[in-house]
Amino acid sequence: MRDTNTSKKFVLRIRIATVVCGLIAFIIIGRLYVLQIIHGASYAERADAQIVVTRAPLVDRNSIFFTDKDGKEITAATIKIPQGTASTTKERMRYYPGGSLAAQTIGFVAYNNDDVQKGRYGLERYYDQTLTRASENLYANFFVELFGSVKSLLDGAPQTGDIVTTLEPSVQTELERTLQLYDAAWNPNLSGGIVMD
């Protein structure tokens, strides 16, 4: 009799603990729903208001790609969110995954005298109009982009998009390595190489 009485108390305690845990989980899920779904937009606006935004962030710049021997595109320059920042941040950085690989050809972006980031050297400068996206087109859907592109083509507006180069990154790496060895051995004032197929 005592054993069944103890087991009934144990089962009752387990049920009470389960109900309490269920209520706590329900309250937490309900609170998260209110915070994220119902009031999420206002909290996102408050977070955005605390961010210092540069005058010309690089959210409107397309990418540059290398092409390997199999025709696969490899990113040479793109936009990246800085590490350790909140997902609501508006600030982006131009990122070159290859580091200095083909840097003399790819170029770079920098601020000009008007605090506007533009291509300053290489492909970044030569194709600045092509790489610069109009900010109103950042969130357009497929059909808007399709018919908008046809209209801008007929109007003679400059086309925007990504740049795909024929630079093969493994060949470029080997060329740069060979030139460094040559420079170390012979100490020339200037050295260069041409790769031909």
N, C-alpha and C. Protein backbone atom coordinates (compact mmCIF):
# COMPACT_ATOMS: atom_id res chain seq x y z
N MET A 1 0.81 -1.19 0.00
CA MET A 1 0.00 0.00 0.00
C MET A 1 0.87 1.26 0.00
N ARG A 2 1.91 1.18 0.82
CA ARG A 2 2.80 2.33 0.89
C ARG A 2 3.52 2.54 -0.44
N ASP A 3 3.87 1.46 -1.12
CA ASP A 3 4.58 1.54 -2.40
C ASP A 3 3.70 2.19 -3.47
N THR A 4 2.43 1.84 -3.52
CA THR A 4 1.54 2.45 -4.52
C THR A 4 1.27 3.90 -4.19
N ASN A 5 1.21 4.22 -2.90
CA ASN A 5 0.99 5.61 -2.50
C ASN A 5 2.19 6.47 -2.90
N THR A 6 3.41 5.95 -2.73
CA THR A 6 4.63 6.66 -3.12
C THR A 6 4.69 6.83 -4.64
N SER A 7 4.33 5.77 -5.37
CA SER A 7 4.36 5.86 -6.83
C SER A 7 3.30 6.82 -7.34
N LYS A 8 2.14 6.92 -6.68
CA LYS A 8 1.11 7.89 -7.09
C LYS A 8 1.61 9.32 -6.87
N LYS A 9 2.30 9.55 -5.73
CA LYS A 9 2.86 10.88 -5.46
C LYS A 9 3.94 11.22 -6.49
N PHE A 10 4.75 10.23 -6.84
CA PHE A 10 5.80 10.45 -7.84
C PHE A 10 5.21 10.80 -9.20
N VAL A 11 4.17 10.04 -9.60
CA VAL A 11 3.50 10.31 -10.88
C VAL A 11 2.86 11.68 -10.84
N LEU A 12 2.25 12.06 -9.71
CA LEU A 12 1.63 13.37 -9.58
C LEU A 12 2.70 14.48 -9.70
N ARG A 13 3.84 14.28 -9.07
CA ARG A 13 4.92 15.26 -9.17
C ARG A 13 5.42 15.39 -10.61
N ILE A 14 5.56 14.27 -11.29
CA ILE A 14 6.00 14.30 -12.69
C ILE A 14 4.99 15.05 -13.55
N ARG A 15 3.72 14.80 -13.33
CA ARG A 15 2.68 15.49 -14.11
C ARG A 15 2.69 16.99 -13.83
N ILE A 16 2.83 17.35 -12.56
CA ILE A 16 2.88 18.78 -12.22
C ILE A 16 4.11 19.43 -12.86
N ALA A 17 5.27 18.77 -12.79
CA ALA A 17 6.48 19.30 -13.41
C ALA A 17 6.31 19.43 -14.92
N THR A 18 5.65 18.45 -15.56
CA THR A 18 5.41 18.50 -17.00
C THR A 18 4.49 19.66 -17.36
N VAL A 19 3.45 19.86 -16.59
CA VAL A 19 2.51 20.97 -16.84
C VAL A 19 3.22 22.31 -16.66
N VAL A 20 4.03 22.43 -15.60
CA VAL A 20 4.75 23.68 -15.36
C VAL A 20 5.74 23.96 -16.51
N CYS A 21 6.47 22.93 -16.92
CA CYS A 21 7.41 23.11 -18.06
C CYS A 21 6.66 23.46 -19.33
N GLY A 22 5.53 22.83 -19.57
CA GLY A 22 4.71 23.14 -20.74
C GLY A 22 4.21 24.57 -20.72
N LEU A 23 3.76 25.04 -19.54
CA LEU A 23 3.30 26.42 -19.42
C LEU A 23 4.44 27.41 -19.66
N ILE A 24 5.60 27.12 -19.08
CA ILE A 24 6.75 28.00 -19.30
C ILE A 24 7.13 28.04 -20.78
N ALA A 25 7.15 26.88 -21.45
CA ALA A 25 7.46 26.83 -22.88
C ALA A 25 6.42 27.59 -23.68
N PHE A 26 5.15 27.45 -23.33
CA PHE A 26 4.06 28.15 -24.03
C PHE A 26 4.21 29.67 -23.85
N ILE A 27 4.55 30.10 -22.64
CA ILE A 27 4.72 31.54 -22.38
C ILE A 27 5.91 32.08 -23.18
N ILE A 28 7.02 31.33 -23.20
CA ILE A 28 8.20 31.78 -23.95
C ILE A 28 7.91 31.85 -25.44
N ILE A 29 7.25 30.82 -25.98
CA ILE A 29 6.92 30.80 -27.42
C ILE A 29 5.96 31.93 -27.74
N GLY A 30 4.98 32.16 -26.88
CA GLY A 30 4.03 33.26 -27.09
C GLY A 30 4.73 34.60 -27.08
N ARG A 31 5.66 34.79 -26.14
CA ARG A 31 6.39 36.04 -26.06
C ARG A 31 7.28 36.25 -27.29
N LEU A 32 7.94 35.19 -27.74
CA LEU A 32 8.75 35.28 -28.96
C LEU A 32 7.89 35.62 -30.17
N TYR A 33 6.70 35.04 -30.23
CA TYR A 33 5.79 35.35 -31.34
C TYR A 33 5.43 36.83 -31.34
N VAL A 34 5.10 37.35 -30.16
CA VAL A 34 4.73 38.77 -30.06
C VAL A 34 5.91 39.65 -30.45
N LEU A 35 7.11 39.31 -29.95
CA LEU A 35 8.29 40.14 -30.23
C LEU A 35 8.70 40.09 -31.69
N GLN A 36 8.73 38.89 -32.28
CA GLN A 36 9.27 38.75 -33.63
C GLN A 36 8.25 38.95 -34.73
N ILE A 37 7.06 38.44 -34.56
CA ILE A 37 6.06 38.52 -35.63
C ILE A 37 5.25 39.80 -35.53
N ILE A 38 4.70 40.07 -34.38
CA ILE A 38 3.80 41.23 -34.25
C ILE A 38 4.59 42.54 -34.20
N HIS A 39 5.64 42.60 -33.37
CA HIS A 39 6.39 43.85 -33.21
C HIS A 39 7.75 43.82 -33.89
N GLY A 40 8.02 42.83 -34.72
CA GLY A 40 9.33 42.67 -35.34
C GLY A 40 9.75 43.85 -36.19
N ALA A 41 8.82 44.41 -36.96
CA ALA A 41 9.17 45.52 -37.84
C ALA A 41 9.60 46.75 -37.04
N SER A 42 8.90 47.03 -35.96
CA SER A 42 9.26 48.21 -35.16
C SER A 42 10.63 48.01 -34.49
N TYR A 43 10.92 46.80 -34.03
CA TYR A 43 12.24 46.55 -33.44
C TYR A 43 13.34 46.63 -34.50
N ALA A 44 13.06 46.18 -35.70
CA ALA A 44 14.05 46.29 -36.77
C ALA A 44 14.32 47.75 -37.11
N GLU A 45 13.27 48.58 -37.11
CA GLU A 45 13.45 50.01 -37.36
C GLU A 45 14.28 50.66 -36.24
N ARG A 46 14.01 50.27 -35.01
CA ARG A 46 14.78 50.81 -33.89
C ARG A 46 16.25 50.39 -34.00
N ALA A 47 16.51 49.17 -34.41
CA ALA A 47 17.90 48.71 -34.59
C ALA A 47 18.57 49.47 -35.72
N ASP A 48 17.84 49.67 -36.83
CA ASP A 48 18.41 50.42 -37.96
C ASP A 48 18.71 51.86 -37.58
N ALA A 49 17.91 52.44 -36.70
CA ALA A 49 18.12 53.82 -36.29
C ALA A 49 19.40 53.98 -35.47
N GLN A 50 19.89 52.92 -34.88
CA GLN A 50 21.10 52.98 -34.07
C GLN A 50 22.37 52.77 -34.89
N ILE A 51 22.22 52.47 -36.16
CA ILE A 51 23.36 52.17 -37.01
C ILE A 51 23.83 53.44 -37.72
N VAL A 52 25.13 53.64 -37.75
CA VAL A 52 25.71 54.74 -38.50
C VAL A 52 25.90 54.25 -39.93
N VAL A 53 25.19 54.85 -40.85
CA VAL A 53 25.22 54.43 -42.25
C VAL A 53 26.10 55.39 -43.03
N THR A 54 27.01 54.84 -43.84
CA THR A 54 27.84 55.68 -44.68
C THR A 54 26.98 56.34 -45.74
N ARG A 55 27.47 57.43 -46.32
CA ARG A 55 26.68 58.16 -47.30
C ARG A 55 26.43 57.34 -48.55
N ALA A 56 27.37 56.54 -48.95
CA ALA A 56 27.23 55.75 -50.17
C ALA A 56 27.62 54.30 -49.89
N PRO A 57 26.77 53.54 -49.20
CA PRO A 57 27.14 52.15 -48.92
C PRO A 57 27.20 51.34 -50.20
N LEU A 58 27.98 50.28 -50.16
CA LEU A 58 28.17 49.46 -51.35
C LEU A 58 27.11 48.36 -51.47
N VAL A 59 25.85 48.68 -51.23
CA VAL A 59 24.82 47.68 -51.41
C VAL A 59 24.37 47.65 -52.87
N ASP A 60 24.89 48.56 -53.65
CA ASP A 60 24.43 48.69 -55.03
C ASP A 60 25.54 48.40 -56.03
N ARG A 61 26.35 47.38 -55.76
CA ARG A 61 27.47 47.06 -56.66
C ARG A 61 27.43 45.59 -57.01
N ASN A 62 27.54 45.30 -58.29
CA ASN A 62 27.53 43.92 -58.77
C ASN A 62 28.90 43.28 -58.58
N SER A 63 29.02 42.02 -58.96
CA SER A 63 30.23 41.24 -58.71
C SER A 63 31.10 41.10 -59.96
N ILE A 64 32.36 40.71 -59.72
CA ILE A 64 33.30 40.38 -60.79
C ILE A 64 33.70 38.93 -60.57
N PHE A 65 33.78 38.17 -61.66
CA PHE A 65 34.09 36.74 -61.57
C PHE A 65 35.30 36.38 -62.41
N PHE A 66 36.10 35.41 -61.91
CA PHE A 66 37.09 34.71 -62.71
C PHE A 66 36.35 33.56 -63.40
N THR A 67 36.97 32.96 -64.42
CA THR A 67 36.43 31.76 -65.05
C THR A 67 37.51 30.70 -65.08
N ASP A 68 37.23 29.52 -64.51
CA ASP A 68 38.26 28.48 -64.53
C ASP A 68 38.21 27.73 -65.85
N LYS A 69 39.12 26.77 -66.03
CA LYS A 69 39.24 26.06 -67.32
C LYS A 69 38.00 25.25 -67.68
N ASP A 70 37.15 24.94 -66.67
CA ASP A 70 35.91 24.20 -66.93
C ASP A 70 34.72 25.12 -67.16
N GLY A 71 34.95 26.43 -67.14
CA GLY A 71 33.88 27.39 -67.37
C GLY A 71 33.13 27.78 -66.09
N LYS A 72 33.57 27.31 -64.94
CA LYS A 72 32.92 27.63 -63.68
C LYS A 72 33.33 29.03 -63.24
N GLU A 73 32.34 29.82 -62.81
CA GLU A 73 32.62 31.18 -62.35
C GLU A 73 33.08 31.15 -60.90
N ILE A 74 34.17 31.87 -60.61
CA ILE A 74 34.72 31.98 -59.27
C ILE A 74 34.75 33.45 -58.90
N THR A 75 34.22 33.79 -57.74
CA THR A 75 34.09 35.18 -57.33
C THR A 75 35.45 35.84 -57.17
N ALA A 76 35.60 37.00 -57.83
CA ALA A 76 36.83 37.79 -57.71
C ALA A 76 36.59 39.04 -56.85
N ALA A 77 35.37 39.60 -56.93
CA ALA A 77 35.01 40.77 -56.14
C ALA A 77 33.50 40.74 -55.90
N THR A 78 33.09 40.97 -54.66
CA THR A 78 31.68 40.95 -54.31
C THR A 78 31.43 41.82 -53.10
N ILE A 79 30.20 41.87 -52.63
CA ILE A 79 29.83 42.63 -51.44
C ILE A 79 29.70 41.65 -50.28
N LYS A 80 30.20 42.06 -49.11
CA LYS A 80 30.17 41.19 -47.94
C LYS A 80 29.79 42.00 -46.71
N ILE A 81 28.97 41.39 -45.83
CA ILE A 81 28.65 42.01 -44.55
C ILE A 81 29.84 41.78 -43.63
N PRO A 82 30.33 42.82 -42.97
CA PRO A 82 31.47 42.64 -42.07
C PRO A 82 31.17 41.63 -40.96
N GLN A 83 32.19 40.87 -40.54
CA GLN A 83 32.04 39.87 -39.48
C GLN A 83 31.64 40.54 -38.18
N GLY A 84 30.78 39.87 -37.43
CA GLY A 84 30.42 40.34 -36.10
C GLY A 84 29.42 41.47 -36.08
N THR A 85 28.73 41.73 -37.20
CA THR A 85 27.73 42.79 -37.21
C THR A 85 26.34 42.18 -37.22
N ALA A 86 25.37 42.96 -36.82
CA ALA A 86 23.99 42.48 -36.80
C ALA A 86 23.47 42.32 -38.21
N SER A 87 22.49 41.45 -38.38
CA SER A 87 21.97 41.18 -39.72
C SER A 87 21.18 42.35 -40.28
N THR A 88 20.82 43.34 -39.44
CA THR A 88 20.07 44.49 -39.93
C THR A 88 20.96 45.62 -40.40
N THR A 89 22.26 45.45 -40.33
CA THR A 89 23.17 46.51 -40.72
C THR A 89 23.06 46.83 -42.20
N LYS A 90 23.24 48.09 -42.52
CA LYS A 90 23.19 48.54 -43.90
C LYS A 90 24.58 48.63 -44.52
N GLU A 91 25.60 48.58 -43.68
CA GLU A 91 26.95 48.77 -44.18
C GLU A 91 27.49 47.48 -44.80
N ARG A 92 28.03 47.59 -45.98
CA ARG A 92 28.62 46.46 -46.67
C ARG A 92 30.04 46.83 -47.06
N MET A 93 30.84 45.82 -47.30
CA MET A 93 32.23 46.06 -47.71
C MET A 93 32.48 45.35 -49.03
N ARG A 94 33.34 45.92 -49.85
CA ARG A 94 33.77 45.25 -51.06
C ARG A 94 34.77 44.20 -50.65
N TYR A 95 34.56 42.97 -51.08
CA TYR A 95 35.38 41.84 -50.64
C TYR A 95 36.01 41.19 -51.85
N TYR A 96 37.31 40.94 -51.76
CA TYR A 96 38.07 40.30 -52.82
C TYR A 96 38.56 38.95 -52.28
N PRO A 97 37.82 37.84 -52.52
CA PRO A 97 38.18 36.54 -51.94
C PRO A 97 39.58 36.06 -52.33
N GLY A 98 40.07 36.46 -53.49
CA GLY A 98 41.39 36.02 -53.92
C GLY A 98 42.52 36.86 -53.34
N GLY A 99 42.18 37.84 -52.52
CA GLY A 99 43.20 38.72 -51.96
C GLY A 99 43.86 39.55 -53.04
N SER A 100 45.16 39.42 -53.19
CA SER A 100 45.88 40.21 -54.19
C SER A 100 45.92 39.53 -55.56
N LEU A 101 45.26 38.40 -55.71
CA LEU A 101 45.26 37.68 -56.98
C LEU A 101 44.64 38.55 -58.08
N ALA A 102 45.40 38.84 -59.09
CA ALA A 102 44.98 39.66 -60.23
C ALA A 102 44.50 41.04 -59.81
N ALA A 103 45.04 41.55 -58.70
CA ALA A 103 44.61 42.85 -58.17
C ALA A 103 44.84 43.98 -59.16
N GLN A 104 45.92 43.89 -59.95
CA GLN A 104 46.20 44.93 -60.93
C GLN A 104 45.15 44.97 -62.04
N THR A 105 44.48 43.86 -62.27
CA THR A 105 43.44 43.81 -63.29
C THR A 105 42.07 44.09 -62.70
N ILE A 106 41.75 43.48 -61.56
CA ILE A 106 40.45 43.67 -60.92
C ILE A 106 40.29 45.11 -60.45
N GLY A 107 41.33 45.66 -59.83
CA GLY A 107 41.26 47.03 -59.32
C GLY A 107 40.66 47.07 -57.93
N PHE A 108 40.12 48.24 -57.56
CA PHE A 108 39.53 48.40 -56.25
C PHE A 108 38.56 49.57 -56.26
N VAL A 109 37.73 49.65 -55.20
CA VAL A 109 36.83 50.80 -55.03
C VAL A 109 37.33 51.61 -53.84
N ALA A 110 37.08 52.91 -53.88
CA ALA A 110 37.46 53.81 -52.79
C ALA A 110 36.58 55.05 -52.86
N TYR A 111 36.61 55.84 -51.80
CA TYR A 111 35.86 57.09 -51.78
C TYR A 111 36.55 58.12 -52.66
N ASN A 112 35.74 58.91 -53.37
CA ASN A 112 36.30 60.04 -54.10
C ASN A 112 36.13 61.29 -53.23
N ASN A 113 36.35 62.45 -53.78
CA ASN A 113 36.27 63.69 -53.01
C ASN A 113 34.86 64.02 -52.54
N ASP A 114 33.85 63.40 -53.14
CA ASP A 114 32.46 63.66 -52.77
C ASP A 114 31.91 62.62 -51.79
N ASP A 115 32.78 61.83 -51.16
CA ASP A 115 32.37 60.76 -50.25
C ASP A 115 31.48 59.73 -50.93
N VAL A 116 31.75 59.44 -52.17
CA VAL A 116 31.03 58.42 -52.92
C VAL A 116 32.03 57.32 -53.28
N GLN A 117 31.65 56.08 -53.01
CA GLN A 117 32.54 54.97 -53.37
C GLN A 117 32.35 54.62 -54.83
N LYS A 118 33.46 54.61 -55.55
CA LYS A 118 33.46 54.28 -56.97
C LYS A 118 34.67 53.44 -57.29
N GLY A 119 34.64 52.82 -58.47
CA GLY A 119 35.81 52.10 -58.94
C GLY A 119 36.95 53.06 -59.17
N ARG A 120 38.12 52.74 -58.61
CA ARG A 120 39.25 53.65 -58.70
C ARG A 120 40.36 53.14 -59.59
N TYR A 121 40.34 51.84 -59.92
CA TYR A 121 41.44 51.26 -60.69
C TYR A 121 40.95 49.97 -61.34
N GLY A 122 41.55 49.61 -62.46
CA GLY A 122 41.28 48.33 -63.12
C GLY A 122 39.84 48.20 -63.63
N LEU A 123 39.34 46.95 -63.59
CA LEU A 123 37.98 46.68 -64.05
C LEU A 123 36.94 47.42 -63.21
N GLU A 124 37.23 47.58 -61.93
CA GLU A 124 36.31 48.31 -61.05
C GLU A 124 36.08 49.74 -61.57
N ARG A 125 37.11 50.35 -62.13
CA ARG A 125 36.98 51.72 -62.65
C ARG A 125 36.42 51.71 -64.07
N TYR A 126 36.97 50.85 -64.93
CA TYR A 126 36.58 50.84 -66.34
C TYR A 126 35.10 50.50 -66.50
N TYR A 127 34.61 49.54 -65.72
CA TYR A 127 33.22 49.10 -65.81
C TYR A 127 32.39 49.62 -64.63
N ASP A 128 32.71 50.80 -64.12
CA ASP A 128 32.01 51.35 -62.95
C ASP A 128 30.51 51.48 -63.20
N GLN A 129 30.11 51.97 -64.37
CA GLN A 129 28.68 52.12 -64.67
C GLN A 129 27.98 50.76 -64.76
N THR A 130 28.68 49.77 -65.29
CA THR A 130 28.10 48.43 -65.40
C THR A 130 27.97 47.78 -64.03
N LEU A 131 28.95 47.97 -63.17
CA LEU A 131 28.94 47.34 -61.85
C LEU A 131 28.03 48.06 -60.85
N THR A 132 27.74 49.33 -61.09
CA THR A 132 26.89 50.10 -60.18
C THR A 132 25.44 49.83 -60.50
N ARG A 133 24.73 49.33 -59.48
CA ARG A 133 23.30 49.06 -59.60
C ARG A 133 22.52 50.26 -59.11
N ALA A 134 21.44 50.60 -59.79
CA ALA A 134 20.56 51.66 -59.30
C ALA A 134 19.87 51.15 -58.05
N SER A 135 19.81 51.97 -57.01
CA SER A 135 19.28 51.52 -55.72
C SER A 135 17.81 51.15 -55.79
N GLU A 136 17.05 51.70 -56.71
CA GLU A 136 15.63 51.34 -56.78
C GLU A 136 15.42 49.94 -57.35
N ASN A 137 16.45 49.36 -57.97
CA ASN A 137 16.32 48.02 -58.55
C ASN A 137 16.78 46.91 -57.61
N LEU A 138 17.12 47.25 -56.37
CA LEU A 138 17.68 46.25 -55.47
C LEU A 138 16.70 45.13 -55.14
N TYR A 139 15.41 45.45 -55.02
CA TYR A 139 14.44 44.46 -54.57
C TYR A 139 13.36 44.21 -55.62
N ALA A 140 13.64 44.46 -56.87
CA ALA A 140 12.65 44.26 -57.93
C ALA A 140 12.48 42.77 -58.22
N ASN A 141 11.28 42.41 -58.65
CA ASN A 141 11.06 41.00 -58.97
C ASN A 141 11.50 40.71 -60.40
N PHE A 142 11.41 39.45 -60.80
CA PHE A 142 11.93 39.00 -62.09
C PHE A 142 11.29 39.74 -63.26
N PHE A 143 9.95 39.88 -63.25
CA PHE A 143 9.27 40.51 -64.38
C PHE A 143 9.57 42.00 -64.47
N VAL A 144 9.70 42.66 -63.33
CA VAL A 144 10.05 44.08 -63.34
C VAL A 144 11.45 44.25 -63.94
N GLU A 145 12.40 43.38 -63.53
CA GLU A 145 13.74 43.46 -64.09
C GLU A 145 13.75 43.16 -65.58
N LEU A 146 12.98 42.16 -66.00
CA LEU A 146 12.95 41.76 -67.40
C LEU A 146 12.43 42.90 -68.27
N PHE A 147 11.26 43.43 -67.94
CA PHE A 147 10.68 44.49 -68.77
C PHE A 147 11.38 45.82 -68.56
N GLY A 148 11.93 46.05 -67.35
CA GLY A 148 12.71 47.26 -67.12
C GLY A 148 13.98 47.26 -67.94
N SER A 149 14.61 46.09 -68.09
CA SER A 149 15.83 45.98 -68.88
C SER A 149 15.55 46.25 -70.35
N VAL A 150 14.43 45.74 -70.85
CA VAL A 150 14.06 45.98 -72.26
C VAL A 150 13.83 47.47 -72.47
N LYS A 151 13.13 48.13 -71.53
CA LYS A 151 12.87 49.56 -71.66
C LYS A 151 14.17 50.36 -71.63
N SER A 152 15.09 50.02 -70.68
CA SER A 152 16.34 50.77 -70.61
C SER A 152 17.22 50.50 -71.83
N LEU A 153 17.13 49.31 -72.40
CA LEU A 153 17.88 49.00 -73.61
C LEU A 153 17.38 49.85 -74.77
N LEU A 154 16.06 49.98 -74.89
CA LEU A 154 15.49 50.80 -75.96
C LEU A 154 15.78 52.29 -75.74
N ASP A 155 15.85 52.71 -74.48
CA ASP A 155 16.14 54.11 -74.17
C ASP A 155 17.62 54.44 -74.30
N GLY A 156 18.47 53.43 -74.43
CA GLY A 156 19.91 53.65 -74.55
C GLY A 156 20.61 53.85 -73.22
N ALA A 157 19.95 53.45 -72.13
CA ALA A 157 20.57 53.59 -70.80
C ALA A 157 21.70 52.57 -70.65
N PRO A 158 22.72 52.91 -69.88
CA PRO A 158 23.81 51.94 -69.68
C PRO A 158 23.31 50.70 -68.95
N GLN A 159 23.79 49.54 -69.39
CA GLN A 159 23.38 48.27 -68.79
C GLN A 159 24.19 47.99 -67.53
N THR A 160 23.57 47.36 -66.57
CA THR A 160 24.27 46.99 -65.34
C THR A 160 24.26 45.48 -65.19
N GLY A 161 25.23 44.97 -64.46
CA GLY A 161 25.29 43.54 -64.22
C GLY A 161 26.66 43.14 -63.72
N ASP A 162 26.86 41.83 -63.64
CA ASP A 162 28.14 41.29 -63.20
C ASP A 162 29.12 41.27 -64.36
N ILE A 163 30.41 41.25 -64.03
CA ILE A 163 31.47 41.13 -65.02
C ILE A 163 32.07 39.74 -64.88
N VAL A 164 32.12 39.01 -65.98
CA VAL A 164 32.73 37.67 -66.00
C VAL A 164 33.98 37.77 -66.86
N THR A 165 35.14 37.58 -66.23
CA THR A 165 36.42 37.68 -66.95
C THR A 165 36.86 36.30 -67.44
N THR A 166 37.83 36.29 -68.32
CA THR A 166 38.41 35.02 -68.76
C THR A 166 39.68 34.70 -67.99
N LEU A 167 39.94 35.44 -66.91
CA LEU A 167 41.11 35.15 -66.08
C LEU A 167 40.92 33.82 -65.38
N GLU A 168 41.89 32.92 -65.53
CA GLU A 168 41.83 31.61 -64.89
C GLU A 168 42.64 31.70 -63.60
N PRO A 169 42.02 31.57 -62.43
CA PRO A 169 42.73 31.85 -61.18
C PRO A 169 43.95 30.96 -60.91
N SER A 170 43.91 29.70 -61.29
CA SER A 170 45.08 28.85 -61.03
C SER A 170 46.26 29.25 -61.93
N VAL A 171 45.98 29.64 -63.17
CA VAL A 171 47.05 30.10 -64.07
C VAL A 171 47.60 31.44 -63.56
N GLN A 172 46.71 32.33 -63.13
CA GLN A 172 47.13 33.62 -62.59
C GLN A 172 47.99 33.43 -61.34
N THR A 173 47.60 32.49 -60.47
CA THR A 173 48.38 32.21 -59.27
C THR A 173 49.78 31.72 -59.63
N GLU A 174 49.86 30.80 -60.60
CA GLU A 174 51.16 30.27 -61.01
C GLU A 174 52.02 31.36 -61.66
N LEU A 175 51.42 32.21 -62.47
CA LEU A 175 52.16 33.32 -63.09
C LEU A 175 52.73 34.24 -62.01
N GLU A 176 51.90 34.62 -61.03
CA GLU A 176 52.37 35.51 -59.98
C GLU A 176 53.47 34.86 -59.14
N ARG A 177 53.35 33.55 -58.88
CA ARG A 177 54.38 32.83 -58.13
C ARG A 177 55.69 32.81 -58.91
N THR A 178 55.61 32.53 -60.22
CA THR A 178 56.80 32.49 -61.07
C THR A 178 57.46 33.86 -61.15
N LEU A 179 56.67 34.92 -61.26
CA LEU A 179 57.23 36.27 -61.32
C LEU A 179 57.91 36.66 -59.99
N GLN A 180 57.34 36.21 -58.87
CA GLN A 180 57.98 36.48 -57.58
C GLN A 180 59.33 35.78 -57.48
N LEU A 181 59.41 34.54 -57.95
CA LEU A 181 60.69 33.82 -57.95
C LEU A 181 61.70 34.50 -58.86
N TYR A 182 61.24 34.95 -60.03
CA TYR A 182 62.11 35.65 -60.97
C TYR A 182 62.63 36.94 -60.35
N ASP A 183 61.71 37.70 -59.72
CA ASP A 183 62.12 38.97 -59.08
C ASP A 183 63.13 38.73 -57.97
N ALA A 184 62.93 37.66 -57.18
CA ALA A 184 63.86 37.37 -56.09
C ALA A 184 65.24 36.98 -56.63
N ALA A 185 65.27 36.26 -57.76
CA ALA A 185 66.55 35.79 -58.31
C ALA A 185 67.30 36.88 -59.06
N TRP A 186 66.60 37.72 -59.82
CA TRP A 186 67.27 38.65 -60.72
C TRP A 186 67.13 40.12 -60.32
N ASN A 187 66.26 40.46 -59.42
CA ASN A 187 66.04 41.84 -58.96
C ASN A 187 65.84 42.83 -60.11
N PRO A 188 64.93 42.57 -61.02
CA PRO A 188 64.72 43.52 -62.12
C PRO A 188 63.94 44.75 -61.63
N ASN A 189 64.00 45.83 -62.39
CA ASN A 189 63.20 47.02 -62.08
C ASN A 189 61.72 46.75 -62.34
N LEU A 190 61.45 45.95 -63.35
CA LEU A 190 60.06 45.66 -63.74
C LEU A 190 60.02 44.28 -64.36
N SER A 191 58.99 43.53 -64.05
CA SER A 191 58.85 42.21 -64.70
C SER A 191 57.38 41.99 -65.01
N GLY A 192 57.13 41.18 -65.99
CA GLY A 192 55.76 40.88 -66.39
C GLY A 192 55.73 39.57 -67.15
N GLY A 193 54.55 39.07 -67.38
CA GLY A 193 54.42 37.79 -68.09
C GLY A 193 53.16 37.79 -68.93
N ILE A 194 53.21 37.01 -69.99
CA ILE A 194 52.06 36.83 -70.88
C ILE A 194 51.78 35.34 -70.95
N VAL A 195 50.53 34.97 -70.74
CA VAL A 195 50.16 33.56 -70.82
C VAL A 195 49.31 33.41 -72.07
N MET A 196 49.73 32.50 -72.92
CA MET A 196 49.02 32.27 -74.18
C MET A 196 48.63 30.81 -74.28
N ASP A 197 47.50 30.57 -74.88
CA ASP A 197 47.00 29.19 -75.03
C ASP A 197 47.46 28.64 -76.37
